[in-house]
Each structure stands twice: as C-alpha cells, then as structure tokens.
C-alpha atoms as a PDB file:
ATOM      1  CA  MET A   1     129.873-266.873 -31.125  1.00  0.00           C
ATOM      2  CA  LYS A   2     128.804-266.919 -27.546  1.00  0.00           C
ATOM      3  CA  ARG A   3     131.809-264.691 -26.610  1.00  0.00           C
ATOM      4  CA  ILE A   4     130.596-262.029 -29.260  1.00  0.00           C
ATOM      5  CA  MET A   5     126.937-262.287 -27.884  1.00  0.00           C
ATOM      6  CA  PHE A   6     128.193-262.086 -24.207  1.00  0.00           C
ATOM      7  CA  GLY A   7     130.456-259.098 -25.187  1.00  0.00           C
ATOM      8  CA  ALA A   8     127.662-257.159 -27.007  1.00  0.00           C
ATOM      9  CA  ALA A   9     125.333-257.786 -23.917  1.00  0.00           C
ATOM     10  CA  ILE A  10     127.930-256.486 -21.472  1.00  0.00           C
ATOM     11  CA  ALA A  11     128.721-253.448 -23.726  1.00  0.00           C
ATOM     12  CA  ALA A  12     124.967-252.637 -23.977  1.00  0.00           C
ATOM     13  CA  PHE A  13     124.530-253.032 -20.230  1.00  0.00           C
ATOM     14  CA  ILE A  14     127.492-250.724 -19.484  1.00  0.00           C
ATOM     15  CA  ALA A  15     126.552-248.061 -22.033  1.00  0.00           C
ATOM     16  CA  THR A  16     122.858-247.751 -21.192  1.00  0.00           C
ATOM     17  CA  PRO A  17     123.433-245.623 -17.907  1.00  0.00           C
ATOM     18  CA  ALA A  18     125.469-243.144 -19.993  1.00  0.00           C
ATOM     19  CA  PHE A  19     122.487-241.934 -21.779  1.00  0.00           C
ATOM     20  CA  ALA A  20     120.751-240.889 -18.588  1.00  0.00           C
ATOM     21  CA  ALA A  21     123.697-239.340 -16.909  1.00  0.00           C
ATOM     22  CA  ASP A  22     122.339-235.882 -17.000  1.00  0.00           C
ATOM     23  CA  LEU A  23     118.811-236.508 -16.091  1.00  0.00           C
ATOM     24  CA  GLY A  24     119.442-235.494 -12.508  1.00  0.00           C
ATOM     25  CA  MET A  25     120.377-231.962 -13.370  1.00  0.00           C
ATOM     26  CA  PRO A  26     117.383-229.532 -13.763  1.00  0.00           C
ATOM     27  CA  VAL A  27     116.937-227.869 -17.105  1.00  0.00           C
ATOM     28  CA  TYR A  28     115.610-224.409 -17.019  1.00  0.00           C
ATOM     29  CA  LYS A  29     113.693-223.464 -20.102  1.00  0.00           C
ATOM     30  CA  ALA A  30     111.766-220.371 -20.803  1.00  0.00           C
ATOM     31  CA  PRO A  31     107.984-221.264 -20.970  1.00  0.00           C
ATOM     32  CA  THR A  32     106.490-221.315 -24.487  1.00  0.00           C
ATOM     33  CA  PRO A  33     104.438-218.070 -25.094  1.00  0.00           C
ATOM     34  CA  ALA A  34     100.680-218.519 -25.161  1.00  0.00           C
ATOM     35  CA  PRO A  35      99.112-218.438 -28.587  1.00  0.00           C
ATOM     36  CA  PRO A  36      97.400-215.336 -29.590  1.00  0.00           C
ATOM     37  CA  PRO A  37      93.764-215.025 -28.773  1.00  0.00           C
ATOM     38  CA  VAL A  38      91.243-216.106 -31.426  1.00  0.00           C
ATOM     39  CA  PRO A  39      89.678-213.213 -33.197  1.00  0.00           C
ATOM     40  CA  VAL A  40      86.034-212.779 -32.104  1.00  0.00           C
ATOM     41  CA  ALA A  41      83.516-212.892 -35.011  1.00  0.00           C
ATOM     42  CA  THR A  42      81.401-209.730 -35.340  1.00  0.00           C
ATOM     43  CA  TRP A  43      78.720-208.535 -37.800  1.00  0.00           C
ATOM     44  CA  THR A  44      79.712-204.826 -37.209  1.00  0.00           C
ATOM     45  CA  GLY A  45      80.646-202.961 -40.515  1.00  0.00           C
ATOM     46  CA  CYS A  46      79.343-201.566 -43.654  1.00  0.00           C
ATOM     47  CA  TYR A  47      78.721-203.065 -46.887  1.00  0.00           C
ATOM     48  CA  ALA A  48      77.552-202.504 -50.507  1.00  0.00           C
ATOM     49  CA  ASN A  49      76.006-205.003 -52.871  1.00  0.00           C
ATOM     50  CA  ALA A  50      74.680-205.402 -56.328  1.00  0.00           C
ATOM     51  CA  GLY A  51      72.877-208.003 -58.415  1.00  0.00           C
ATOM     52  CA  ALA A  52      71.184-208.750 -61.635  1.00  0.00           C
ATOM     53  CA  GLY A  53      69.070-211.495 -63.055  1.00  0.00           C
ATOM     54  CA  TYR A  54      66.418-212.591 -65.654  1.00  0.00           C
ATOM     55  CA  GLY A  55      63.145-214.338 -64.792  1.00  0.00           C
ATOM     56  CA  MET A  56      60.345-215.896 -66.769  1.00  0.00           C
ATOM     57  CA  PHE A  57      57.137-217.945 -65.975  1.00  0.00           C
ATOM     58  CA  ASN A  58      54.193-219.326 -67.644  1.00  0.00           C
ATOM     59  CA  GLN A  59      50.865-220.160 -66.100  1.00  0.00           C
ATOM     60  CA  ASP A  60      48.188-222.009 -67.906  1.00  0.00           C
ATOM     61  CA  HIS A  61      44.336-221.401 -66.976  1.00  0.00           C
ATOM     62  CA  GLN A  62      41.693-223.883 -67.696  1.00  0.00           C
ATOM     63  CA  PHE A  63      38.151-222.385 -67.313  1.00  0.00           C
ATOM     64  CA  ILE A  64      35.648-224.716 -65.520  1.00  0.00           C
ATOM     65  CA  ALA A  65      31.890-224.050 -65.385  1.00  0.00           C
ATOM     66  CA  ASP A  66      29.617-226.455 -63.357  1.00  0.00           C
ATOM     67  CA  GLY A  67      32.463-228.869 -62.917  1.00  0.00           C
ATOM     68  CA  VAL A  68      32.968-229.322 -66.717  1.00  0.00           C
ATOM     69  CA  PRO A  69      36.136-227.826 -68.308  1.00  0.00           C
ATOM     70  CA  GLU A  70      35.518-225.332 -71.094  1.00  0.00           C
ATOM     71  CA  ASP A  71      37.046-225.825 -74.575  1.00  0.00           C
ATOM     72  CA  PHE A  72      39.296-222.626 -74.229  1.00  0.00           C
ATOM     73  CA  SER A  73      42.215-221.958 -71.973  1.00  0.00           C
ATOM     74  CA  GLN A  74      44.485-219.113 -71.457  1.00  0.00           C
ATOM     75  CA  THR A  75      48.137-218.677 -70.785  1.00  0.00           C
ATOM     76  CA  SER A  76      49.665-215.857 -68.693  1.00  0.00           C
ATOM     77  CA  GLY A  77      53.122-215.203 -67.695  1.00  0.00           C
ATOM     78  CA  GLY A  78      55.973-212.785 -67.622  1.00  0.00           C
ATOM     79  CA  ARG A  79      59.624-212.245 -68.465  1.00  0.00           C
ATOM     80  CA  GLY A  80      61.935-209.567 -67.486  1.00  0.00           C
ATOM     81  CA  TRP A  81      65.177-208.345 -66.154  1.00  0.00           C
ATOM     82  CA  LEU A  82      65.923-207.618 -62.513  1.00  0.00           C
ATOM     83  CA  GLY A  83      68.626-205.215 -61.166  1.00  0.00           C
ATOM     84  CA  LEU A  84      69.398-204.217 -57.617  1.00  0.00           C
ATOM     85  CA  VAL A  85      71.854-202.082 -55.804  1.00  0.00           C
ATOM     86  CA  GLY A  86      72.187-201.764 -51.978  1.00  0.00           C
ATOM     87  CA  VAL A  87      74.279-200.200 -49.268  1.00  0.00           C
ATOM     88  CA  GLY A  88      74.036-200.620 -45.513  1.00  0.00           C
ATOM     89  CA  CYS A  89      75.708-200.643 -42.212  1.00  0.00           C
ATOM     90  CA  ASP A  90      75.275-203.105 -39.154  1.00  0.00           C
ATOM     91  CA  TYR A  91      76.274-202.789 -35.553  1.00  0.00           C
ATOM     92  CA  GLN A  92      76.406-205.666 -33.102  1.00  0.00           C
ATOM     93  CA  PHE A  93      75.575-205.250 -29.378  1.00  0.00           C
ATOM     94  CA  ASN A  94      76.527-208.539 -27.682  1.00  0.00           C
ATOM     95  CA  SER A  95      74.041-210.873 -29.293  1.00  0.00           C
ATOM     96  CA  PHE A  96      71.792-208.316 -30.925  1.00  0.00           C
ATOM     97  CA  LEU A  97      72.295-206.775 -34.386  1.00  0.00           C
ATOM     98  CA  VAL A  98      71.065-203.331 -35.568  1.00  0.00           C
ATOM     99  CA  GLY A  99      71.293-202.576 -39.308  1.00  0.00           C
ATOM    100  CA  ALA A 100      70.260-199.692 -41.641  1.00  0.00           C
END
C-alpha cells in the first residue's frame, strides 16, 4: 500500500510542471471590443393621447342657524362622463424641456 501511495505522489509531483509548461510564452489576443454606449434618455418627441372616465359625487348639506341644526338638509352632487383627446410635442435642451 505504501508503494502505491509513494508512486502516486511521485507521479503527481512529476506531472504537475507539465501543466505550466507554456506559461512562459506570451499569448497575443485581440482586446475585447468596448460595449456600445448606453442610450441617453431624452424627452424629445411628439405624442398623442386619449382618455375616458365616469365620475360621481354626493354632498350632504345641513343648515345651522344660531348654532342649532335645522330640521331639513339638502343633498347635491353630480354624475357624468368625461372624455379627452390630446396631441403635443416636446423638445429637450440639456436639462430644460419645452412643450406645446
């Protein structure tokens, strides 16, 4: 058993320098190209938008005379549809934005 272990140790010792045999020779590789530049965010451009919605509200009114609530109250409110359409253009100057 000692002979096998001794033989394995000698074989490992002898074989190890063979892995590093070509490290002394220079390797010439082309440098990796630089990554493309990151696109710069800008607000310049034109746009169109549209939207629609429905709204409703109720509001209760309590009448108070001389600090005493009256017997009657009133409710007012509204309900309705809302629609909108828009177009515009923006242009960015450095850190300023102009739009129409």
